[in-house]
């Protein structure tokens, strides 16, 4: 649940970061200006492109990690 919540809240920032990293043309000054430009061209929905795949991957990976962590802790704590 925590992984899904974090992904839901932070996906727009992650998307902006990734787009700024791969962009080759001249950049607008700052993250906020780039966010405004993206909103003008794609609307609010543009901030959540790729969200479903990110949510599925994040939720699955954190769920697996925590399940394995808990099981390993149980195995190592047995005397």
PDB file of N, CA and C in Angstrom:
ATOM      1  N   UNK A   1       0.829  -1.197   0.000  1.00  0.00           N
ATOM      2  CA  UNK A   1       0.000   0.000   0.000  1.00  0.00           C
ATOM      3  C   UNK A   1       0.871   1.257   0.000  1.00  0.00           C
ATOM      4  N   UNK A   2       1.944   1.236   0.779  1.00  0.00           N
ATOM      5  CA  UNK A   2       2.819   2.412   0.865  1.00  0.00           C
ATOM      6  C   UNK A   2       3.491   2.699  -0.475  1.00  0.00           C
ATOM      7  N   UNK A   3       3.933   1.647  -1.175  1.00  0.00           N
ATOM      8  CA  UNK A   3       4.551   1.844  -2.484  1.00  0.00           C
ATOM      9  C   UNK A   3       3.580   2.444  -3.485  1.00  0.00           C
ATOM     10  N   UNK A   4       2.336   1.986  -3.448  1.00  0.00           N
ATOM     11  CA  UNK A   4       1.317   2.530  -4.344  1.00  0.00           C
ATOM     12  C   UNK A   4       0.994   3.978  -4.033  1.00  0.00           C
ATOM     13  N   UNK A   5       0.931   4.312  -2.755  1.00  0.00           N
ATOM     14  CA  UNK A   5       0.654   5.688  -2.345  1.00  0.00           C
ATOM     15  C   UNK A   5       1.788   6.617  -2.766  1.00  0.00           C
ATOM     16  N   UNK A   6       3.015   6.191  -2.519  1.00  0.00           N
ATOM     17  CA  UNK A   6       4.165   7.008  -2.907  1.00  0.00           C
ATOM     18  C   UNK A   6       4.209   7.214  -4.420  1.00  0.00           C
ATOM     19  N   UNK A   7       3.926   6.169  -5.171  1.00  0.00           N
ATOM     20  CA  UNK A   7       3.913   6.283  -6.629  1.00  0.00           C
ATOM     21  C   UNK A   7       2.826   7.249  -7.081  1.00  0.00           C
ATOM     22  N   UNK A   8       1.656   7.154  -6.499  1.00  0.00           N
ATOM     23  CA  UNK A   8       0.546   8.031  -6.869  1.00  0.00           C
ATOM     24  C   UNK A   8       0.890   9.494  -6.615  1.00  0.00           C
ATOM     25  N   UNK A   9       1.509   9.766  -5.489  1.00  0.00           N
ATOM     26  CA  UNK A   9       1.823  11.152  -5.131  1.00  0.00           C
ATOM     27  C   UNK A   9       3.033  11.697  -5.888  1.00  0.00           C
ATOM     28  N   UNK A  10       4.030  10.868  -6.127  1.00  0.00           N
ATOM     29  CA  UNK A  10       5.289  11.357  -6.681  1.00  0.00           C
ATOM     30  C   UNK A  10       5.486  11.091  -8.170  1.00  0.00           C
ATOM     31  N   UNK A  11       4.570  10.384  -8.807  1.00  0.00           N
ATOM     32  CA  UNK A  11       4.720  10.085 -10.231  1.00  0.00           C
ATOM     33  C   UNK A  11       4.911  11.335 -11.091  1.00  0.00           C
ATOM     34  N   UNK A  12       4.137  12.406 -10.880  1.00  0.00           N
ATOM     35  CA  UNK A  12       4.356  13.590 -11.718  1.00  0.00           C
ATOM     36  C   UNK A  12       5.783  14.139 -11.620  1.00  0.00           C
ATOM     37  N   UNK A  13       6.354  14.157 -10.430  1.00  0.00           N
ATOM     38  CA  UNK A  13       7.729  14.651 -10.289  1.00  0.00           C
ATOM     39  C   UNK A  13       8.731  13.725 -10.957  1.00  0.00           C
ATOM     40  N   UNK A  14       8.510  12.437 -10.818  1.00  0.00           N
ATOM     41  CA  UNK A  14       9.389  11.457 -11.457  1.00  0.00           C
ATOM     42  C   UNK A  14       9.316  11.585 -12.979  1.00  0.00           C
ATOM     43  N   UNK A  15       8.119  11.786 -13.499  1.00  0.00           N
ATOM     44  CA  UNK A  15       7.936  11.960 -14.937  1.00  0.00           C
ATOM     45  C   UNK A  15       8.649  13.217 -15.429  1.00  0.00           C
ATOM     46  N   UNK A  16       8.493  14.322 -14.709  1.00  0.00           N
ATOM     47  CA  UNK A  16       9.173  15.563 -15.079  1.00  0.00           C
ATOM     48  C   UNK A  16      10.687  15.383 -15.061  1.00  0.00           C
ATOM     49  N   UNK A  17      11.201  14.740 -14.034  1.00  0.00           N
ATOM     50  CA  UNK A  17      12.640  14.503 -13.912  1.00  0.00           C
ATOM     51  C   UNK A  17      13.155  13.695 -15.103  1.00  0.00           C
ATOM     52  N   UNK A  18      12.451  12.626 -15.431  1.00  0.00           N
ATOM     53  CA  UNK A  18      12.868  11.770 -16.535  1.00  0.00           C
ATOM     54  C   UNK A  18      12.818  12.515 -17.860  1.00  0.00           C
ATOM     55  N   UNK A  19      11.770  13.274 -18.074  1.00  0.00           N
ATOM     56  CA  UNK A  19      11.656  14.024 -19.334  1.00  0.00           C
ATOM     57  C   UNK A  19      12.739  15.085 -19.454  1.00  0.00           C
ATOM     58  N   UNK A  20      13.086  15.725 -18.352  1.00  0.00           N
ATOM     59  CA  UNK A  20      14.162  16.715 -18.396  1.00  0.00           C
ATOM     60  C   UNK A  20      15.504  16.053 -18.686  1.00  0.00           C
ATOM     61  N   UNK A  21      15.697  14.831 -18.204  1.00  0.00           N
ATOM     62  CA  UNK A  21      16.959  14.135 -18.424  1.00  0.00           C
ATOM     63  C   UNK A  21      17.149  13.716 -19.877  1.00  0.00           C
ATOM     64  N   UNK A  22      16.085  13.375 -20.565  1.00  0.00           N
ATOM     65  CA  UNK A  22      16.215  12.880 -21.945  1.00  0.00           C
ATOM     66  C   UNK A  22      15.970  13.959 -22.990  1.00  0.00           C
ATOM     67  N   UNK A  23      15.584  15.118 -22.582  1.00  0.00           N
ATOM     68  CA  UNK A  23      15.269  16.203 -23.522  1.00  0.00           C
ATOM     69  C   UNK A  23      16.546  16.716 -24.186  1.00  0.00           C
ATOM     70  N   UNK A  24      16.502  16.918 -25.489  1.00  0.00           N
ATOM     71  CA  UNK A  24      17.686  17.378 -26.210  1.00  0.00           C
ATOM     72  C   UNK A  24      17.591  18.843 -26.635  1.00  0.00           C
ATOM     73  N   UNK A  25      16.392  19.360 -26.835  1.00  0.00           N
ATOM     74  CA  UNK A  25      16.269  20.764 -27.248  1.00  0.00           C
ATOM     75  C   UNK A  25      16.438  21.678 -26.033  1.00  0.00           C
ATOM     76  N   UNK A  26      16.463  22.968 -26.293  1.00  0.00           N
ATOM     77  CA  UNK A  26      16.675  23.949 -25.225  1.00  0.00           C
ATOM     78  C   UNK A  26      15.607  23.809 -24.148  1.00  0.00           C
ATOM     79  N   UNK A  27      16.044  23.878 -22.924  1.00  0.00           N
ATOM     80  CA  UNK A  27      15.134  23.701 -21.795  1.00  0.00           C
ATOM     81  C   UNK A  27      14.576  25.035 -21.315  1.00  0.00           C
ATOM     82  N   UNK A  28      13.338  25.047 -20.859  1.00  0.00           N
ATOM     83  CA  UNK A  28      12.833  26.238 -20.183  1.00  0.00           C
ATOM     84  C   UNK A  28      13.581  26.388 -18.856  1.00  0.00           C
ATOM     85  N   UNK A  29      13.595  27.563 -18.323  1.00  0.00           N
ATOM     86  CA  UNK A  29      14.319  27.804 -17.079  1.00  0.00           C
ATOM     87  C   UNK A  29      13.574  27.200 -15.897  1.00  0.00           C
ATOM     88  N   UNK A  30      14.082  26.108 -15.362  1.00  0.00           N
ATOM     89  CA  UNK A  30      13.566  25.532 -14.134  1.00  0.00           C
ATOM     90  C   UNK A  30      12.465  24.502 -14.316  1.00  0.00           C
ATOM     91  N   UNK A  31      12.308  23.722 -13.268  1.00  0.00           N
ATOM     92  CA  UNK A  31      11.333  22.644 -13.246  1.00  0.00           C
ATOM     93  C   UNK A  31       9.900  23.176 -13.310  1.00  0.00           C
ATOM     94  N   UNK A  32       9.632  24.256 -12.600  1.00  0.00           N
ATOM     95  CA  UNK A  32       8.281  24.812 -12.569  1.00  0.00           C
ATOM     96  C   UNK A  32       7.847  25.309 -13.948  1.00  0.00           C
ATOM     97  N   UNK A  33       8.755  25.967 -14.661  1.00  0.00           N
ATOM     98  CA  UNK A  33       8.420  26.424 -16.013  1.00  0.00           C
ATOM     99  C   UNK A  33       8.193  25.246 -16.950  1.00  0.00           C
ATOM    100  N   UNK A  34       8.984  24.196 -16.803  1.00  0.00           N
ATOM    101  CA  UNK A  34       8.789  23.013 -17.637  1.00  0.00           C
ATOM    102  C   UNK A  34       7.443  22.357 -17.311  1.00  0.00           C
ATOM    103  N   UNK A  35       7.078  22.324 -16.028  1.00  0.00           N
ATOM    104  CA  UNK A  35       5.779  21.766 -15.633  1.00  0.00           C
ATOM    105  C   UNK A  35       4.640  22.582 -16.243  1.00  0.00           C
ATOM    106  N   UNK A  36       4.772  23.899 -16.253  1.00  0.00           N
ATOM    107  CA  UNK A  36       3.746  24.748 -16.870  1.00  0.00           C
ATOM    108  C   UNK A  36       3.624  24.465 -18.365  1.00  0.00           C
ATOM    109  N   UNK A  37       4.780  24.336 -19.022  1.00  0.00           N
ATOM    110  CA  UNK A  37       4.779  24.051 -20.454  1.00  0.00           C
ATOM    111  C   UNK A  37       4.122  22.692 -20.725  1.00  0.00           C
ATOM    112  N   UNK A  38       4.431  21.698 -19.910  1.00  0.00           N
ATOM    113  CA  UNK A  38       3.843  20.377 -20.083  1.00  0.00           C
ATOM    114  C   UNK A  38       2.333  20.424 -19.862  1.00  0.00           C
ATOM    115  N   UNK A  39       1.890  21.190 -18.878  1.00  0.00           N
ATOM    116  CA  UNK A  39       0.458  21.327 -18.612  1.00  0.00           C
ATOM    117  C   UNK A  39      -0.256  21.980 -19.784  1.00  0.00           C
ATOM    118  N   UNK A  40       0.371  22.978 -20.394  1.00  0.00           N
ATOM    119  CA  UNK A  40      -0.241  23.641 -21.559  1.00  0.00           C
ATOM    120  C   UNK A  40      -0.392  22.680 -22.737  1.00  0.00           C
ATOM    121  N   UNK A  41       0.583  21.810 -22.936  1.00  0.00           N
ATOM    122  CA  UNK A  41       0.540  20.928 -24.098  1.00  0.00           C
ATOM    123  C   UNK A  41      -0.242  19.642 -23.860  1.00  0.00           C
ATOM    124  N   UNK A  42      -0.200  19.093 -22.634  1.00  0.00           N
ATOM    125  CA  UNK A  42      -0.817  17.779 -22.391  1.00  0.00           C
ATOM    126  C   UNK A  42      -1.927  17.804 -21.344  1.00  0.00           C
ATOM    127  N   UNK A  43      -2.119  18.916 -20.663  1.00  0.00           N
ATOM    128  CA  UNK A  43      -3.136  18.981 -19.610  1.00  0.00           C
ATOM    129  C   UNK A  43      -2.697  18.220 -18.365  1.00  0.00           C
ATOM    130  N   UNK A  44      -3.594  18.124 -17.387  1.00  0.00           N
ATOM    131  CA  UNK A  44      -3.264  17.441 -16.138  1.00  0.00           C
ATOM    132  C   UNK A  44      -2.999  15.953 -16.346  1.00  0.00           C
ATOM    133  N   UNK A  45      -3.673  15.359 -17.309  1.00  0.00           N
ATOM    134  CA  UNK A  45      -3.463  13.941 -17.588  1.00  0.00           C
ATOM    135  C   UNK A  45      -2.051  13.626 -18.049  1.00  0.00           C
ATOM    136  N   UNK A  46      -1.390  14.618 -18.642  1.00  0.00           N
ATOM    137  CA  UNK A  46      -0.019  14.422 -19.095  1.00  0.00           C
ATOM    138  C   UNK A  46       0.952  14.115 -17.970  1.00  0.00           C
ATOM    139  N   UNK A  47       0.632  14.558 -16.775  1.00  0.00           N
ATOM    140  CA  UNK A  47       1.505  14.311 -15.624  1.00  0.00           C
ATOM    141  C   UNK A  47       1.428  12.864 -15.143  1.00  0.00           C
ATOM    142  N   UNK A  48       0.422  12.137 -15.602  1.00  0.00           N
ATOM    143  CA  UNK A  48       0.255  10.739 -15.173  1.00  0.00           C
ATOM    144  C   UNK A  48       0.399   9.756 -16.328  1.00  0.00           C
ATOM    145  N   UNK A  49       1.092  10.154 -17.399  1.00  0.00           N
ATOM    146  CA  UNK A  49       1.375   9.202 -18.485  1.00  0.00           C
ATOM    147  C   UNK A  49       2.315   8.136 -17.951  1.00  0.00           C
ATOM    148  N   UNK A  50       2.002   6.878 -18.226  1.00  0.00           N
ATOM    149  CA  UNK A  50       2.827   5.771 -17.752  1.00  0.00           C
ATOM    150  C   UNK A  50       2.587   5.397 -16.306  1.00  0.00           C
ATOM    151  N   UNK A  51       1.579   6.001 -15.709  1.00  0.00           N
ATOM    152  CA  UNK A  51       1.304   5.764 -14.291  1.00  0.00           C
ATOM    153  C   UNK A  51       0.941   4.316 -13.988  1.00  0.00           C
ATOM    154  N   UNK A  52       0.130   3.696 -14.838  1.00  0.00           N
ATOM    155  CA  UNK A  52      -0.326   2.330 -14.578  1.00  0.00           C
ATOM    156  C   UNK A  52       0.842   1.360 -14.502  1.00  0.00           C
ATOM    157  N   UNK A  53       1.759   1.459 -15.445  1.00  0.00           N
ATOM    158  CA  UNK A  53       2.932   0.576 -15.422  1.00  0.00           C
ATOM    159  C   UNK A  53       3.806   0.857 -14.205  1.00  0.00           C
ATOM    160  N   UNK A  54       3.983   2.121 -13.878  1.00  0.00           N
ATOM    161  CA  UNK A  54       4.791   2.491 -12.721  1.00  0.00           C
ATOM    162  C   UNK A  54       4.144   1.984 -11.430  1.00  0.00           C
ATOM    163  N   UNK A  55       2.835   2.126 -11.323  1.00  0.00           N
ATOM    164  CA  UNK A  55       2.114   1.672 -10.130  1.00  0.00           C
ATOM    165  C   UNK A  55       2.205   0.157  -9.982  1.00  0.00           C
ATOM    166  N   UNK A  56       1.995  -0.565 -11.060  1.00  0.00           N
ATOM    167  CA  UNK A  56       2.071  -2.032 -11.005  1.00  0.00           C
ATOM    168  C   UNK A  56       3.475  -2.487 -10.621  1.00  0.00           C
ATOM    169  N   UNK A  57       4.484  -1.909 -11.234  1.00  0.00           N
ATOM    170  CA  UNK A  57       5.863  -2.297 -10.929  1.00  0.00           C
ATOM    171  C   UNK A  57       6.272  -1.947  -9.517  1.00  0.00           C
ATOM    172  N   UNK A  58       5.932  -0.766  -9.077  1.00  0.00           N
ATOM    173  CA  UNK A  58       6.307  -0.326  -7.737  1.00  0.00           C
ATOM    174  C   UNK A  58       5.597  -1.141  -6.663  1.00  0.00           C
ATOM    175  N   UNK A  59       4.305  -1.347  -6.835  1.00  0.00           N
ATOM    176  CA  UNK A  59       3.541  -2.113  -5.851  1.00  0.00           C
ATOM    177  C   UNK A  59       4.040  -3.553  -5.775  1.00  0.00           C
ATOM    178  N   UNK A  60       4.276  -4.159  -6.925  1.00  0.00           N
ATOM    179  CA  UNK A  60       4.766  -5.539  -6.939  1.00  0.00           C
ATOM    180  C   UNK A  60       6.156  -5.655  -6.338  1.00  0.00           C
ATOM    181  N   UNK A  61       7.041  -4.743  -6.691  1.00  0.00           N
ATOM    182  CA  UNK A  61       8.414  -4.850  -6.181  1.00  0.00           C
ATOM    183  C   UNK A  61       8.483  -4.603  -4.683  1.00  0.00           C
ATOM    184  N   UNK A  62       7.763  -3.607  -4.174  1.00  0.00           N
ATOM    185  CA  UNK A  62       7.775  -3.369  -2.731  1.00  0.00           C
ATOM    186  C   UNK A  62       7.080  -4.498  -1.977  1.00  0.00           C
ATOM    187  N   UNK A  63       6.001  -5.018  -2.529  1.00  0.00           N
ATOM    188  CA  UNK A  63       5.324  -6.144  -1.883  1.00  0.00           C
ATOM    189  C   UNK A  63       6.228  -7.359  -1.791  1.00  0.00           C
ATOM    190  N   UNK A  64       6.917  -7.678  -2.869  1.00  0.00           N
ATOM    191  CA  UNK A  64       7.849  -8.801  -2.879  1.00  0.00           C
ATOM    192  C   UNK A  64       9.019  -8.564  -1.925  1.00  0.00           C
ATOM    193  N   UNK A  65       9.561  -7.371  -1.965  1.00  0.00           N
ATOM    194  CA  UNK A  65      10.674  -7.028  -1.077  1.00  0.00           C
ATOM    195  C   UNK A  65      10.291  -7.206   0.393  1.00  0.00           C
ATOM    196  N   UNK A  66       9.154  -6.640   0.784  1.00  0.00           N
ATOM    197  CA  UNK A  66       8.751  -6.715   2.190  1.00  0.00           C
ATOM    198  C   UNK A  66       8.392  -8.139   2.602  1.00  0.00           C
ATOM    199  N   UNK A  67       7.787  -8.911   1.715  1.00  0.00           N
ATOM    200  CA  UNK A  67       7.471 -10.304   2.036  1.00  0.00           C
ATOM    201  C   UNK A  67       8.753 -11.113   2.230  1.00  0.00           C
ATOM    202  N   UNK A  68       9.715 -10.940   1.340  1.00  0.00           N
ATOM    203  CA  UNK A  68      10.984 -11.658   1.470  1.00  0.00           C
ATOM    204  C   UNK A  68      11.773 -11.190   2.692  1.00  0.00           C
ATOM    205  N   UNK A  69      11.724  -9.916   2.972  1.00  0.00           N
ATOM    206  CA  UNK A  69      12.411  -9.367   4.140  1.00  0.00           C
ATOM    207  C   UNK A  69      11.838  -9.966   5.422  1.00  0.00           C
ATOM    208  N   UNK A  70      10.520  -9.996   5.507  1.00  0.00           N
ATOM    209  CA  UNK A  70       9.873 -10.544   6.697  1.00  0.00           C
ATOM    210  C   UNK A  70      10.198 -12.036   6.858  1.00  0.00           C
ATOM    211  N   UNK A  71      10.133 -12.761   5.769  1.00  0.00           N
ATOM    212  CA  UNK A  71      10.438 -14.210   5.828  1.00  0.00           C
ATOM    213  C   UNK A  71      11.904 -14.451   6.206  1.00  0.00           C
ATOM    214  N   UNK A  72      12.810 -13.687   5.645  1.00  0.00           N
ATOM    215  CA  UNK A  72      14.229 -13.826   5.982  1.00  0.00           C
ATOM    216  C   UNK A  72      14.470 -13.488   7.443  1.00  0.00           C
ATOM    217  N   UNK A  73      13.816 -12.470   7.945  1.00  0.00           N
ATOM    218  CA  UNK A  73      13.937 -12.108   9.349  1.00  0.00           C
ATOM    219  C   UNK A  73      13.463 -13.254  10.250  1.00  0.00           C
ATOM    220  N   UNK A  74      12.364 -13.887   9.880  1.00  0.00           N
ATOM    221  CA  UNK A  74      11.839 -15.005  10.666  1.00  0.00           C
ATOM    222  C   UNK A  74      12.823 -16.167  10.643  1.00  0.00           C
ATOM    223  N   UNK A  75      13.367 -16.485   9.490  1.00  0.00           N
ATOM    224  CA  UNK A  75      14.308 -17.597   9.384  1.00  0.00           C
ATOM    225  C   UNK A  75      15.593 -17.352  10.167  1.00  0.00           C
ATOM    226  N   UNK A  76      16.094 -16.138  10.133  1.00  0.00           N
ATOM    227  CA  UNK A  76      17.328 -15.819  10.826  1.00  0.00           C
ATOM    228  C   UNK A  76      17.156 -15.686  12.331  1.00  0.00           C
ATOM    229  N   UNK A  77      15.951 -15.401  12.794  1.00  0.00           N
ATOM    230  CA  UNK A  77      15.737 -15.236  14.224  1.00  0.00           C
ATOM    231  C   UNK A  77      15.467 -16.559  14.947  1.00  0.00           C
ATOM    232  N   UNK A  78      15.276 -17.644  14.182  1.00  0.00           N
ATOM    233  CA  UNK A  78      15.057 -18.951  14.800  1.00  0.00           C
ATOM    234  C   UNK A  78      16.373 -19.498  15.332  1.00  0.00           C
ATOM    235  N   UNK A  79      16.323 -20.032  16.531  1.00  0.00           N
ATOM    236  CA  UNK A  79      17.561 -20.587  17.125  1.00  0.00           C
ATOM    237  C   UNK A  79      17.661 -22.063  16.938  1.00  0.00           C
TER     238      UNK A  79
END
